[in-house]
Amino acid sequence: MRAFRETLEQDAERAAVVSGLSVDAKLGLYAGLLRARLHDIQLKRWVRTGVISKAWLATGEEATTVGPVHALERGRDIVAPMIRNAAACCELGLPVADMLRAYLGSDDSPSHGRDLHVGAWAQGVLQPISHVGDMVPVITGIGLTFKMREEPRVALTWVGDGSTKTAAAHEGTNFAAVQKLPVIFIVQNNQVALGTRLEQHHLAHDFRDWAASYGILGATFDGNNVLDGYAATKLAADRCRRGEGPALLVAETFRMGGHATHDEREARETFPDEWFRSWGQRDPIGLYEEHLKEDGVSVRRLEEIESGVTAEVDRAAEEAVRSRDRLPAGESALAGVYAKGG
């Protein structure tokens, strides 16, 4: 908790952003963290009971998504999440039931049963793909459109520490830098790429100097501190709207599990037990809950929010399961594609 507070106090600009947040806004961040965690818990339940075969979870990394998304303008800005940033969908307005339907592959899911990578274009969320890093040039193109139209809008995407090594991520970032586009890239450094530890694929100690190689604004934030993530993103977004070009933010966090639910054992063998213990003590929800209590929010208020979000996710799961047998028709595979054989 001491480190949590010190993080918020060490940067005057970020401290000013946080101090300007209303109580409702702070509680909205808390609800967002809970919603993200409970969504993943529901997926894990489904895996254990055989409803689905596996799921990609963001346990321990929720603040890296929730903080930045809340710093954007809903209905105007655009985000492109990775699968571990699924919380961007519900925080920008997609019902949790629709997020869960994506895993069930039902016809009434956002992708109409095509893919479990869930997006919500109507809410400003691009549907991700499994090729991590490839959304960088896509979101850069959207940023170029904003600039050409002179619209004060921002496009944001997350990049895993491993996918920073892909050509698409490099080319997109470089183009955004040269063109001074209103784009934010968040390097979500959860210390591992699939099953490859950071030091096995990244020679430098961290990513702090990464932005300088592109000549753009760079900053690091605590990926387990939702307020730090919010403030860093808000400052970067304001800068984008002023036409000052892109920003590359580095979120330091940790993946508290496997690449997906099928390789939990391998994940525990990838890092020492001490890593899981130390990062577990920095759980983004527990830390933020204690911070809110110190900030004067009553336990009763927090319990009410937790009960409300729990009920929301429970209802969503029940609603989604009712769609389980609504599989898409075979011929629908030809709809919405760029080309098809004659």
Foldseek 3Di string as FASTA:
>chain_A
DVVLVCQLVVDPQLVVVLVPDDPVLLVLLLLLLLLLVVLVVVQVVCCVVVLAVWAAEQFFQSLLQSLLLSLFDWPFAAEEEDQHNVSSAVSLPDASLLLVLLRLLFCPRPVRSPHNQDFDVSRRYDRYDNLFQQCLLVQLVVQVVCVVVVHLYAYEYEGELVSCPDPNNVVSLLVQLVVQTRYEYEHEYQQADQLRGNVRRPVDPFCQCVVVVSPAAEEEFASLANSRSNSVSNVQSVCNSVSRGYYYYYYYIHRLAHSMPVPRVSNPVSDDPVVNVVSVVSRSNVVSVVVVVVVPDDPVVSVVSSVVSSVSNVVSVVVNVVSSPNHDDPVCVPPPDDDDDD
